[in-house]
């Protein structure tokens, strides 16, 4: 069975109120569909970084987000993952302010996860950034997960 690291934005879109923004609403709908029809086909993982992010903000919303990830395995942020996060930040591929985005990639790569599922197209599902980070991962002996949106992981 293939593995997927589910990043915070996916969980947030899953439990948030329907948006009036047509693009966000479409992403929410796609997320619901992926969650209902495809999630069971993958071994699903998160990390402490995801937990920290989804616990932030409104308590009621945080509780809903936590309920959705209740049975997912939590990947450890090992020394190797911390070093890879630093290398990604030091390269400038992801800005220091988005260190948690670099950590998502590093934790998934170090744990040999197949896919990183996200709606973060600024720092994660971004072709130019992916290319740069892939080189960093490969240089350090890791295979970077395929970073994609739920829409891209809907299957055939």
N, C-alpha and C. Protein backbone atom coordinates (compact mmCIF):
# COMPACT_ATOMS: atom_id res chain seq x y z
N UNK A 1 0.85 -1.18 0.00
CA UNK A 1 0.00 0.00 0.00
C UNK A 1 0.89 1.25 0.00
N UNK A 2 0.55 2.22 -0.81
CA UNK A 2 1.32 3.45 -0.87
C UNK A 2 1.04 4.31 0.37
N UNK A 3 2.01 5.18 0.67
CA UNK A 3 1.88 6.03 1.86
C UNK A 3 1.69 7.48 1.46
N UNK A 4 0.99 8.21 2.32
CA UNK A 4 0.75 9.64 2.09
C UNK A 4 0.88 10.39 3.42
N UNK A 5 1.63 11.48 3.35
CA UNK A 5 1.77 12.41 4.47
C UNK A 5 0.73 13.49 4.22
N UNK A 6 -0.18 13.66 5.15
CA UNK A 6 -1.26 14.63 4.97
C UNK A 6 -0.90 15.91 5.71
N UNK A 7 -0.67 16.95 4.93
CA UNK A 7 -0.25 18.24 5.45
C UNK A 7 -1.48 19.01 5.96
N UNK A 8 -1.24 19.97 6.80
CA UNK A 8 -2.25 20.72 7.54
C UNK A 8 -3.36 21.31 6.68
N UNK A 9 -3.03 21.87 5.52
CA UNK A 9 -4.04 22.55 4.71
C UNK A 9 -5.15 21.60 4.27
N UNK A 10 -4.81 20.35 4.04
CA UNK A 10 -5.82 19.37 3.62
C UNK A 10 -6.84 19.16 4.74
N UNK A 11 -6.35 18.99 5.94
CA UNK A 11 -7.23 18.79 7.09
C UNK A 11 -8.06 20.03 7.35
N UNK A 12 -7.46 21.19 7.20
CA UNK A 12 -8.19 22.45 7.39
C UNK A 12 -9.31 22.61 6.38
N UNK A 13 -9.04 22.31 5.12
CA UNK A 13 -10.07 22.40 4.09
C UNK A 13 -11.19 21.40 4.35
N UNK A 14 -10.83 20.25 4.89
CA UNK A 14 -11.82 19.20 5.14
C UNK A 14 -12.87 19.63 6.16
N UNK A 15 -12.47 20.34 7.20
CA UNK A 15 -13.40 20.63 8.29
C UNK A 15 -13.91 22.07 8.32
N UNK A 16 -13.38 22.91 7.47
CA UNK A 16 -13.81 24.31 7.51
C UNK A 16 -15.18 24.52 6.87
N UNK A 17 -15.82 25.61 7.25
CA UNK A 17 -17.11 25.95 6.64
C UNK A 17 -16.91 26.20 5.16
N UNK A 18 -17.90 25.88 4.34
CA UNK A 18 -17.77 26.13 2.89
C UNK A 18 -17.44 27.59 2.62
N UNK A 19 -16.48 27.79 1.77
CA UNK A 19 -16.01 29.13 1.45
C UNK A 19 -16.88 29.77 0.37
N UNK A 20 -16.93 31.10 0.39
CA UNK A 20 -17.61 31.85 -0.67
C UNK A 20 -16.68 32.05 -1.86
N UNK A 21 -15.38 31.91 -1.62
CA UNK A 21 -14.39 32.01 -2.69
C UNK A 21 -14.51 30.75 -3.54
N UNK A 22 -14.77 30.92 -4.81
CA UNK A 22 -15.06 29.78 -5.68
C UNK A 22 -13.90 28.79 -5.78
N UNK A 23 -12.66 29.28 -5.80
CA UNK A 23 -11.51 28.39 -5.88
C UNK A 23 -11.33 27.60 -4.59
N UNK A 24 -11.44 28.28 -3.47
CA UNK A 24 -11.33 27.60 -2.18
C UNK A 24 -12.46 26.58 -2.02
N UNK A 25 -13.67 26.96 -2.41
CA UNK A 25 -14.81 26.03 -2.33
C UNK A 25 -14.56 24.79 -3.19
N UNK A 26 -13.98 24.98 -4.36
CA UNK A 26 -13.66 23.83 -5.23
C UNK A 26 -12.61 22.94 -4.56
N UNK A 27 -11.61 23.55 -3.94
CA UNK A 27 -10.59 22.77 -3.24
C UNK A 27 -11.21 22.01 -2.06
N UNK A 28 -12.13 22.65 -1.36
CA UNK A 28 -12.81 21.97 -0.26
C UNK A 28 -13.58 20.76 -0.77
N UNK A 29 -14.31 20.94 -1.86
CA UNK A 29 -15.10 19.83 -2.42
C UNK A 29 -14.19 18.69 -2.85
N UNK A 30 -13.10 19.01 -3.50
CA UNK A 30 -12.15 17.98 -3.92
C UNK A 30 -11.57 17.26 -2.71
N UNK A 31 -11.30 18.01 -1.66
CA UNK A 31 -10.78 17.41 -0.43
C UNK A 31 -11.80 16.43 0.16
N UNK A 32 -13.06 16.83 0.23
CA UNK A 32 -14.11 15.94 0.74
C UNK A 32 -14.15 14.66 -0.09
N UNK A 33 -14.11 14.81 -1.40
CA UNK A 33 -14.18 13.65 -2.29
C UNK A 33 -12.98 12.73 -2.11
N UNK A 34 -11.77 13.31 -2.02
CA UNK A 34 -10.58 12.49 -1.82
C UNK A 34 -10.67 11.76 -0.49
N UNK A 35 -11.07 12.48 0.54
CA UNK A 35 -11.16 11.90 1.89
C UNK A 35 -12.14 10.73 1.90
N UNK A 36 -13.27 10.87 1.23
CA UNK A 36 -14.30 9.83 1.22
C UNK A 36 -13.96 8.66 0.30
N UNK A 37 -13.32 8.93 -0.82
CA UNK A 37 -13.15 7.87 -1.82
C UNK A 37 -11.73 7.32 -1.95
N UNK A 38 -10.71 8.04 -1.54
CA UNK A 38 -9.34 7.60 -1.80
C UNK A 38 -8.49 7.38 -0.54
N UNK A 39 -8.82 8.04 0.53
CA UNK A 39 -7.98 8.00 1.73
C UNK A 39 -7.70 6.57 2.19
N UNK A 40 -8.68 5.69 2.11
CA UNK A 40 -8.53 4.33 2.60
C UNK A 40 -7.55 3.51 1.76
N UNK A 41 -7.19 4.02 0.60
CA UNK A 41 -6.27 3.30 -0.27
C UNK A 41 -4.81 3.59 0.06
N UNK A 42 -4.56 4.40 1.08
CA UNK A 42 -3.21 4.80 1.46
C UNK A 42 -2.98 4.58 2.95
N UNK A 43 -1.72 4.36 3.29
CA UNK A 43 -1.31 4.44 4.68
C UNK A 43 -1.10 5.92 4.95
N UNK A 44 -1.89 6.47 5.86
CA UNK A 44 -1.88 7.92 6.10
C UNK A 44 -1.02 8.27 7.31
N UNK A 45 -0.19 9.29 7.13
CA UNK A 45 0.72 9.75 8.17
C UNK A 45 0.62 11.26 8.35
N UNK A 46 0.95 11.68 9.55
CA UNK A 46 1.11 13.09 9.87
C UNK A 46 2.39 13.20 10.70
N UNK A 47 2.69 14.40 11.17
CA UNK A 47 3.84 14.59 12.07
C UNK A 47 3.40 15.52 13.20
N UNK A 48 4.27 15.70 14.14
CA UNK A 48 3.99 16.62 15.24
C UNK A 48 3.81 18.03 14.70
N UNK A 49 4.47 18.34 13.59
CA UNK A 49 4.31 19.67 12.98
C UNK A 49 2.85 19.88 12.58
N UNK A 50 2.25 18.87 11.98
CA UNK A 50 0.83 18.94 11.60
C UNK A 50 -0.03 19.12 12.85
N UNK A 51 0.23 18.34 13.85
CA UNK A 51 -0.55 18.44 15.10
C UNK A 51 -0.44 19.84 15.69
N UNK A 52 0.76 20.38 15.75
CA UNK A 52 0.95 21.73 16.29
C UNK A 52 0.15 22.75 15.49
N UNK A 53 0.19 22.62 14.17
CA UNK A 53 -0.52 23.58 13.32
C UNK A 53 -2.04 23.46 13.45
N UNK A 54 -2.56 22.25 13.51
CA UNK A 54 -4.02 22.12 13.56
C UNK A 54 -4.59 22.40 14.94
N UNK A 55 -3.75 22.39 15.96
CA UNK A 55 -4.22 22.74 17.31
C UNK A 55 -4.28 24.24 17.52
N UNK A 56 -3.69 25.00 16.62
CA UNK A 56 -3.68 26.46 16.74
C UNK A 56 -5.01 27.05 16.32
N UNK A 57 -5.31 28.22 16.83
CA UNK A 57 -6.52 28.93 16.42
C UNK A 57 -7.73 28.58 17.26
N UNK A 58 -8.88 28.76 16.65
CA UNK A 58 -10.17 28.53 17.29
C UNK A 58 -10.25 27.13 17.88
N UNK A 59 -10.64 27.03 19.16
CA UNK A 59 -10.67 25.74 19.85
C UNK A 59 -11.63 24.75 19.21
N UNK A 60 -12.81 25.22 18.81
CA UNK A 60 -13.80 24.33 18.20
C UNK A 60 -13.28 23.78 16.86
N UNK A 61 -12.71 24.63 16.06
CA UNK A 61 -12.15 24.20 14.77
C UNK A 61 -10.97 23.26 14.98
N UNK A 62 -10.13 23.57 15.96
CA UNK A 62 -8.98 22.71 16.26
C UNK A 62 -9.44 21.32 16.68
N UNK A 63 -10.51 21.28 17.46
CA UNK A 63 -11.05 19.98 17.90
C UNK A 63 -11.54 19.16 16.71
N UNK A 64 -12.22 19.81 15.77
CA UNK A 64 -12.68 19.11 14.56
C UNK A 64 -11.50 18.58 13.76
N UNK A 65 -10.46 19.40 13.63
CA UNK A 65 -9.28 18.96 12.88
C UNK A 65 -8.62 17.77 13.57
N UNK A 66 -8.51 17.84 14.90
CA UNK A 66 -7.89 16.74 15.66
C UNK A 66 -8.69 15.44 15.52
N UNK A 67 -10.00 15.54 15.48
CA UNK A 67 -10.84 14.34 15.32
C UNK A 67 -10.53 13.62 14.01
N UNK A 68 -10.28 14.37 12.97
CA UNK A 68 -10.04 13.78 11.66
C UNK A 68 -8.72 13.02 11.58
N UNK A 69 -7.74 13.40 12.38
CA UNK A 69 -6.43 12.75 12.29
C UNK A 69 -6.18 11.79 13.44
N UNK A 70 -7.21 11.51 14.20
CA UNK A 70 -7.09 10.71 15.41
C UNK A 70 -6.40 9.38 15.27
N UNK A 71 -6.58 8.69 14.15
CA UNK A 71 -6.00 7.35 14.02
C UNK A 71 -4.80 7.28 13.07
N UNK A 72 -4.27 8.43 12.66
CA UNK A 72 -3.11 8.43 11.76
C UNK A 72 -1.82 8.23 12.57
N UNK A 73 -0.89 7.52 11.97
CA UNK A 73 0.42 7.35 12.59
C UNK A 73 1.15 8.69 12.55
N UNK A 74 1.87 8.99 13.62
CA UNK A 74 2.62 10.24 13.72
C UNK A 74 4.10 9.94 13.49
N UNK A 75 4.65 10.55 12.44
CA UNK A 75 6.06 10.38 12.12
C UNK A 75 6.91 11.26 13.03
N UNK A 76 8.02 10.71 13.47
CA UNK A 76 8.90 11.43 14.37
C UNK A 76 9.79 12.40 13.61
N UNK A 77 10.01 13.56 14.20
CA UNK A 77 10.94 14.54 13.64
C UNK A 77 12.33 14.19 14.16
N UNK A 78 13.00 13.30 13.46
CA UNK A 78 14.31 12.81 13.87
C UNK A 78 15.40 13.86 13.62
N UNK A 79 16.59 13.57 14.10
CA UNK A 79 17.74 14.43 13.83
C UNK A 79 17.95 14.55 12.32
N UNK A 80 17.78 13.44 11.59
CA UNK A 80 17.94 13.47 10.14
C UNK A 80 16.93 14.42 9.50
N UNK A 81 15.70 14.39 9.97
CA UNK A 81 14.67 15.28 9.44
C UNK A 81 14.99 16.73 9.78
N UNK A 82 15.48 16.98 10.97
CA UNK A 82 15.85 18.34 11.36
C UNK A 82 16.99 18.86 10.50
N UNK A 83 17.97 18.01 10.21
CA UNK A 83 19.10 18.42 9.36
C UNK A 83 18.63 18.70 7.93
N UNK A 84 17.73 17.87 7.43
CA UNK A 84 17.21 18.09 6.08
C UNK A 84 16.38 19.37 6.03
N UNK A 85 15.61 19.63 7.07
CA UNK A 85 14.85 20.89 7.15
C UNK A 85 15.80 22.08 7.08
N UNK A 86 16.87 22.02 7.84
CA UNK A 86 17.87 23.10 7.84
C UNK A 86 18.49 23.28 6.46
N UNK A 87 18.79 22.17 5.79
CA UNK A 87 19.39 22.26 4.46
C UNK A 87 18.43 22.91 3.47
N UNK A 88 17.16 22.59 3.58
CA UNK A 88 16.15 23.18 2.69
C UNK A 88 16.06 24.69 2.94
N UNK A 89 16.02 25.08 4.20
CA UNK A 89 15.95 26.50 4.55
C UNK A 89 17.24 27.22 4.14
N UNK A 90 18.38 26.60 4.44
CA UNK A 90 19.67 27.22 4.10
C UNK A 90 19.83 27.42 2.59
N UNK A 91 19.20 26.57 1.80
CA UNK A 91 19.31 26.69 0.34
C UNK A 91 18.52 27.89 -0.20
N UNK A 92 17.57 28.37 0.60
CA UNK A 92 16.71 29.46 0.17
C UNK A 92 15.51 29.00 -0.64
N UNK A 93 15.36 27.70 -0.83
CA UNK A 93 14.23 27.17 -1.59
C UNK A 93 12.90 27.50 -0.91
N UNK A 94 12.92 27.48 0.40
CA UNK A 94 11.76 27.86 1.20
C UNK A 94 12.25 28.92 2.20
N UNK A 95 11.52 30.02 2.35
CA UNK A 95 11.99 31.08 3.28
C UNK A 95 11.94 30.62 4.74
N UNK A 96 12.79 31.22 5.56
CA UNK A 96 12.86 30.87 6.98
C UNK A 96 11.51 30.99 7.68
N UNK A 97 10.71 31.94 7.25
CA UNK A 97 9.40 32.15 7.88
C UNK A 97 8.49 30.93 7.68
N UNK A 98 8.78 30.11 6.67
CA UNK A 98 7.97 28.93 6.37
C UNK A 98 8.72 27.64 6.73
N UNK A 99 9.46 27.68 7.83
CA UNK A 99 10.26 26.53 8.24
C UNK A 99 9.40 25.28 8.44
N UNK A 100 8.16 25.44 8.86
CA UNK A 100 7.30 24.28 9.05
C UNK A 100 6.99 23.59 7.72
N UNK A 101 6.91 24.36 6.65
CA UNK A 101 6.70 23.76 5.33
C UNK A 101 7.91 22.91 4.94
N UNK A 102 9.10 23.41 5.21
CA UNK A 102 10.31 22.63 4.96
C UNK A 102 10.32 21.37 5.83
N UNK A 103 9.84 21.49 7.06
CA UNK A 103 9.80 20.33 7.97
C UNK A 103 8.84 19.26 7.46
N UNK A 104 7.70 19.66 6.88
CA UNK A 104 6.78 18.67 6.32
C UNK A 104 7.50 17.82 5.27
N UNK A 105 8.21 18.49 4.37
CA UNK A 105 8.93 17.76 3.32
C UNK A 105 10.00 16.87 3.92
N UNK A 106 10.77 17.41 4.83
CA UNK A 106 11.88 16.66 5.42
C UNK A 106 11.40 15.42 6.16
N UNK A 107 10.38 15.56 6.98
CA UNK A 107 9.86 14.41 7.73
C UNK A 107 9.35 13.33 6.76
N UNK A 108 8.63 13.75 5.73
CA UNK A 108 8.12 12.79 4.76
C UNK A 108 9.26 12.12 3.99
N UNK A 109 10.27 12.88 3.59
CA UNK A 109 11.38 12.32 2.82
C UNK A 109 12.20 11.34 3.66
N UNK A 110 12.53 11.72 4.87
CA UNK A 110 13.34 10.86 5.74
C UNK A 110 12.61 9.56 6.04
N UNK A 111 11.29 9.61 6.08
CA UNK A 111 10.50 8.41 6.38
C UNK A 111 10.06 7.67 5.12
N UNK A 112 10.59 8.08 3.98
CA UNK A 112 10.35 7.39 2.70
C UNK A 112 8.86 7.31 2.36
N UNK A 113 8.14 8.41 2.57
CA UNK A 113 6.72 8.49 2.26
C UNK A 113 6.57 8.74 0.76
N UNK A 114 5.58 8.11 0.15
CA UNK A 114 5.38 8.21 -1.30
C UNK A 114 4.85 9.58 -1.74
N UNK A 115 3.86 10.11 -1.01
CA UNK A 115 3.20 11.36 -1.40
C UNK A 115 3.10 12.31 -0.22
N UNK A 116 3.18 13.60 -0.52
CA UNK A 116 2.89 14.64 0.46
C UNK A 116 1.68 15.38 -0.10
N UNK A 117 0.56 15.28 0.58
CA UNK A 117 -0.70 15.85 0.11
C UNK A 117 -0.91 17.22 0.74
N UNK A 118 -1.14 18.24 -0.09
CA UNK A 118 -1.23 19.61 0.40
C UNK A 118 -2.05 20.48 -0.53
N UNK A 119 -2.55 21.58 0.01
CA UNK A 119 -3.12 22.66 -0.80
C UNK A 119 -2.22 23.88 -0.74
N UNK A 120 -1.07 23.76 -0.10
CA UNK A 120 -0.13 24.87 -0.01
C UNK A 120 0.68 24.92 -1.30
N UNK A 121 0.24 25.76 -2.21
CA UNK A 121 0.91 25.87 -3.52
C UNK A 121 1.96 26.97 -3.53
N UNK A 122 2.09 27.68 -2.45
CA UNK A 122 3.11 28.72 -2.37
C UNK A 122 4.49 28.12 -2.08
N UNK A 123 4.54 27.24 -1.08
CA UNK A 123 5.83 26.69 -0.66
C UNK A 123 5.96 25.18 -0.85
N UNK A 124 4.88 24.48 -1.11
CA UNK A 124 4.98 23.02 -1.21
C UNK A 124 4.65 22.51 -2.61
N UNK A 125 3.41 22.61 -3.03
CA UNK A 125 3.02 22.13 -4.37
C UNK A 125 3.34 23.22 -5.40
N UNK A 126 4.61 23.47 -5.56
CA UNK A 126 5.11 24.55 -6.42
C UNK A 126 6.24 23.96 -7.25
N UNK A 127 6.05 23.89 -8.55
CA UNK A 127 6.99 23.19 -9.44
C UNK A 127 8.43 23.67 -9.31
N UNK A 128 8.64 24.97 -9.21
CA UNK A 128 10.00 25.48 -9.12
C UNK A 128 10.66 25.12 -7.80
N UNK A 129 9.89 25.18 -6.73
CA UNK A 129 10.42 24.82 -5.42
C UNK A 129 10.66 23.31 -5.34
N UNK A 130 9.74 22.54 -5.86
CA UNK A 130 9.88 21.08 -5.85
C UNK A 130 11.19 20.67 -6.53
N UNK A 131 11.46 21.27 -7.65
CA UNK A 131 12.68 20.93 -8.39
C UNK A 131 13.93 21.19 -7.54
N UNK A 132 13.98 22.33 -6.89
CA UNK A 132 15.14 22.68 -6.06
C UNK A 132 15.26 21.76 -4.85
N UNK A 133 14.15 21.47 -4.20
CA UNK A 133 14.19 20.64 -3.00
C UNK A 133 14.51 19.19 -3.34
N UNK A 134 14.07 18.74 -4.49
CA UNK A 134 14.38 17.38 -4.92
C UNK A 134 15.89 17.17 -5.01
N UNK A 135 16.60 18.16 -5.53
CA UNK A 135 18.06 18.08 -5.61
C UNK A 135 18.66 17.98 -4.21
N UNK A 136 18.16 18.78 -3.29
CA UNK A 136 18.67 18.76 -1.91
C UNK A 136 18.44 17.39 -1.28
N UNK A 137 17.24 16.86 -1.45
CA UNK A 137 16.93 15.53 -0.88
C UNK A 137 17.82 14.46 -1.49
N UNK A 138 17.91 14.45 -2.81
CA UNK A 138 18.72 13.43 -3.49
C UNK A 138 20.18 13.50 -3.09
N UNK A 139 20.71 14.71 -2.97
CA UNK A 139 22.10 14.90 -2.57
C UNK A 139 22.37 14.30 -1.19
N UNK A 140 21.37 14.32 -0.35
CA UNK A 140 21.51 13.79 1.01
C UNK A 140 21.04 12.34 1.13
N UNK A 141 20.71 11.72 0.02
CA UNK A 141 20.36 10.30 0.02
C UNK A 141 18.90 9.99 0.28
N UNK A 142 18.02 10.97 0.16
CA UNK A 142 16.59 10.75 0.38
C UNK A 142 15.82 10.94 -0.92
N UNK A 143 14.75 10.19 -1.06
CA UNK A 143 13.82 10.42 -2.16
C UNK A 143 12.74 11.34 -1.67
N UNK A 144 12.56 12.44 -2.37
CA UNK A 144 11.52 13.37 -1.98
C UNK A 144 10.16 12.77 -2.35
N UNK A 145 9.15 12.90 -1.48
CA UNK A 145 7.82 12.41 -1.85
C UNK A 145 7.27 13.21 -3.02
N UNK A 146 6.35 12.63 -3.72
CA UNK A 146 5.64 13.37 -4.76
C UNK A 146 4.73 14.34 -4.02
N UNK A 147 4.95 15.63 -4.25
CA UNK A 147 4.15 16.65 -3.58
C UNK A 147 3.00 16.99 -4.51
N UNK A 148 1.77 16.82 -4.01
CA UNK A 148 0.61 17.01 -4.88
C UNK A 148 -0.62 17.45 -4.08
N UNK A 149 -1.61 17.89 -4.82
CA UNK A 149 -2.89 18.27 -4.20
C UNK A 149 -3.82 17.05 -4.22
N UNK A 150 -4.89 17.08 -3.45
CA UNK A 150 -5.86 15.98 -3.51
C UNK A 150 -6.38 15.74 -4.93
N UNK A 151 -6.53 16.82 -5.69
CA UNK A 151 -7.01 16.68 -7.06
C UNK A 151 -6.06 15.82 -7.90
N UNK A 152 -4.77 15.99 -7.67
CA UNK A 152 -3.78 15.22 -8.42
C UNK A 152 -3.68 13.78 -7.94
N UNK A 153 -4.21 13.47 -6.78
CA UNK A 153 -4.12 12.12 -6.21
C UNK A 153 -5.49 11.43 -6.20
N UNK A 154 -6.35 11.84 -7.11
CA UNK A 154 -7.70 11.27 -7.19
C UNK A 154 -7.72 9.89 -7.85
N UNK A 155 -6.64 9.51 -8.50
CA UNK A 155 -6.58 8.20 -9.13
C UNK A 155 -7.05 8.27 -10.57
N UNK A 156 -7.07 7.10 -11.19
CA UNK A 156 -7.43 7.01 -12.61
C UNK A 156 -8.89 6.67 -12.80
